[in-house]
Amino acid sequence: MQMLFFSPAKVQCQTNVDDHNLEKIEERNIAIQHFAKWMYQAGISFNAVKLRSFAQALEVVGCYGVGLSPPTYHEVRDLCLIKEVENTKDLFLLQQTSWRKYGCTIMLDDLGNVNGKRIIIFLANCPGGTFFLKSIDASCKIHDHDFIYSELDKVVEEVGEEHVVQVVSQNGEAYMKAGKLLMENRKCLIYAPCVSHSINLILTDFSETPVTKSVIMDAREVTSFIYSHKLILVFIRKETGGKELVRAGLTQSVSAFLTLQRLYTHKQSLKAWFVSEKWTQNPLSRKSFGQRVSNLILSSNFWRGICHGLRVGQPLLQVLRLVHGDEKPPMGYVYAAIRYATEEIRSFFGDKHNYCENVLKVVSKRWAEQCNQPLHGAGYFLNPGYYYDRKEVECDYEVAFLACVEIMTRSPNEEDEILTQVDSDKNAKDLFGKGSAIRLRSKKQPSNHLT
């Protein structure tokens, strides 16, 4: 089994006592410039500087001091590579320990076209980090659910079925069929489509509604016009404090709503520019396309449409940030995030019942079809930060929790022990009723609260 470790930890930047020493600042600038030059010449991705290992490398170089000889070709190609393989094997053993204690999630990701091949990668995620397990070439069988199931089943077997809590994949038809087939043949694990992909699909569906699609097209016309004329772009950047109007996201629909968000943030700056003397004296202001963009910027209907689009898009983008964030495991929070998003949408469009219901249908359709899995409900049920505040509405989530217990336990004794402990939690008995446990209900992660 191929292995590669990805650490979930982030590098924490701290202020150094030398940060205010002008001589040290200049020395650092020179050193960083040399690093940057090396990266440019070697074609190294800019994202490499975000790796924790890069910060660690700089730290040990600094500890060595002056006179460190650079590594040789032979060292990095052979000696260091062999050592790193051994280190990775040691890390894998630690991961297996974490799998036995907490369980793990098997994740499938379709990388798309890579050098003419359709590559699917398999990852194992647990509190200790994420491991790359293997990759396969699925060029001719990407839509064959039997093939995907076969490869997925092999991975589960290699990891150990008793260690796998859930399997997560993209939301394509072949993946979902393979996941359901896996659950039928392996009774003690759960398959769930990717929440992030589902939220992206909700945003895509909403962006295709007539009103929102029109607003996005108008916004695209505005940004295309500004970015197509350098002098105008320079002036606009001055008005917005150097901020870009276009923001890139993981998908086209996410990018569209992020751009709407940025346009609305700089609404006043854009309106000020298009009534300024610099614009009125610009020859483009007398062109039909220039007048079209100017009229859009000065139109209250245009901004009202953006506002309505963001009233739906922003709550869903917050769910995406939760899912992609590293601050806390999203499992215990996804249900609440979706519910709060729908409540926020409903509260804004409350006086427009028909439009509100049409919007919520888009959300509920995707959520019910793709993400309404018992594991998410169980995660919500076990989150004390939510449970004790809303006990009267938790029946459905308790049913989801009980379904997960039934699926994942391997003996009646184990099931009884879990349910007994949960009764203590529900009624705040024993350790769950202690003052510290009550105070930290909304502060500690649910997994830490229960251990």
Foldseek 3Di string as FASTA:
>chain_A
DDKDFDFLDWDDDDDDPCPPPPVVVVVVVVVVVVVVVVCVVVVPDPCVCRGPVNVVVVVVVVVVPPDDDDDDPCCVVPVVVVVVVVVRVVVVVVVLVQLVVFFWEKEWEFPQQDVNFTKIWIWIDGPRGIMTDDMDTCRPPPQPLVVVLVVVVVVCVVSDVLSHAEYEYADDPSPVVSQVVNCVVQQAHYYAYDPLNLLVQLLVVVCPPPLNVVLLVLLVLLLCVCVVDVVSVVQLCVLVVNDRLFDDDPDPSLRSLVSLVSCLVSLVSVLCVLVDPVNVPDPLCVDPSNVSSSCLSVDPSSNVSSVLSCLLVVLSVVLSCLPPDSPAHCLQPNVVSLVVSLVSLCVVCVVVVVVSVVSVCSVCVSCVVGGPALSSLQSNCLQLLPCVVPVVPNPVSVVSNLVSLVRNDDDPVVSVVVVVLVVCCNVCHDPSVDPVNVVCSNPDHSVVSSD
